[in-house]
Protein backbone atom coordinates (compact mmCIF):
# COMPACT_ATOMS: atom_id res chain seq x y z
CA MET A 1 -5.83 22.33 -3.08
CA GLU A 2 -2.27 23.37 -3.74
CA SER A 3 -0.06 22.54 -6.70
CA LEU A 4 3.60 21.58 -6.48
CA THR A 5 6.27 21.24 -9.12
CA ILE A 6 9.22 18.99 -8.40
CA HIS A 7 12.47 19.57 -10.27
CA ASN A 8 15.55 17.38 -10.65
CA VAL A 9 13.77 14.07 -10.18
CA PRO A 10 16.30 11.28 -10.78
CA SER A 11 15.37 9.30 -13.90
CA GLU A 12 15.32 6.03 -11.94
CA LEU A 13 12.74 7.50 -9.55
CA ALA A 14 10.68 9.02 -12.38
CA GLN A 15 10.61 5.67 -14.19
CA ALA A 16 9.62 3.79 -11.03
CA LEU A 17 6.82 6.28 -10.36
CA GLN A 18 5.56 5.92 -13.92
CA ARG A 19 5.63 2.11 -13.73
CA GLU A 20 3.76 2.16 -10.43
CA SER A 21 1.08 4.51 -11.75
CA MET A 22 0.58 2.24 -14.76
CA ARG A 23 0.46 -0.86 -12.54
CA LEU A 24 -2.20 0.73 -10.34
CA HIS A 25 -4.09 2.25 -13.26
CA ALA A 26 -3.89 5.61 -11.51
CA SER A 27 -2.78 9.01 -12.63
CA LEU A 28 0.79 9.87 -11.77
CA ASP A 29 -0.44 12.76 -9.62
CA ASP A 30 -2.87 10.59 -7.63
CA MET A 31 -0.29 7.86 -7.15
CA VAL A 32 2.42 10.28 -5.94
CA ILE A 33 -0.04 11.93 -3.54
CA GLU A 34 -1.03 8.53 -2.14
CA ILE A 35 2.62 7.50 -1.65
CA LEU A 36 3.42 10.78 0.10
CA CYS A 37 0.35 10.54 2.34
CA ARG A 38 1.26 7.00 3.36
CA ALA A 39 4.89 7.93 3.99
CA LEU A 40 3.92 10.93 6.10
CA LYS A 41 0.94 9.16 7.72
CA ILE A 42 -1.50 11.89 6.75
CA GLY A 43 -4.51 12.45 4.55
CA SER A 44 -6.75 10.07 2.69
CA SER A 45 -4.51 6.99 2.63
CA GLU A 46 -6.16 5.82 5.87
CA GLU A 47 -9.61 6.17 4.31
CA LYS A 48 -8.69 3.95 1.36
CA ARG A 49 -7.47 1.04 3.44
CA ASN A 50 -9.65 -2.01 3.89
CA GLY A 51 -9.63 -1.81 7.68
CA LEU A 52 -7.83 -5.10 8.20
CA ALA A 53 -4.56 -3.52 9.37
CA ARG A 54 -5.97 -3.18 12.89
CA LEU A 55 -6.33 -6.97 12.99
CA ALA A 56 -2.77 -7.74 11.93
CA GLY A 57 -0.83 -9.59 14.57
CA THR A 58 -3.84 -10.19 16.82
CA TRP A 59 -3.90 -13.97 16.55
CA SER A 60 -2.38 -16.00 19.31
CA ALA A 61 0.09 -18.74 18.41
CA GLU A 62 -2.64 -21.31 19.06
CA GLU A 63 -5.12 -19.52 16.76
CA HIS A 64 -2.47 -19.36 14.06
CA GLU A 65 -1.79 -23.08 14.34
CA GLN A 66 -5.53 -23.82 14.13
CA PHE A 67 -5.85 -21.70 11.00
CA GLU A 68 -2.85 -23.34 9.37
CA ALA A 69 -4.28 -26.77 10.13
CA ALA A 70 -7.66 -25.76 8.69
CA ILE A 71 -6.20 -24.59 5.38
CA ALA A 72 -3.56 -27.31 5.02
CA VAL A 73 -5.80 -29.28 2.67
CA THR A 74 -5.77 -26.37 0.19
CA GLU A 75 -2.00 -26.54 -0.11
CA GLN A 76 -1.88 -30.07 -1.48
């Protein structure tokens, strides 16, 4: 595995990266690698997904209406 050093990171970006790593309870290195992999559509980010993305948008309008009707009672 290679190592990279990034210079001249804007403070706003550095702070956002630090906040995100704390939010995810991940090391800064791991979090930056994950963000880069997702952005470039490479590496392990696909392996860490829950597999539901392939189902997104597959419901018909009728199926969506049926689902909404079924869960309406939970929104009261």
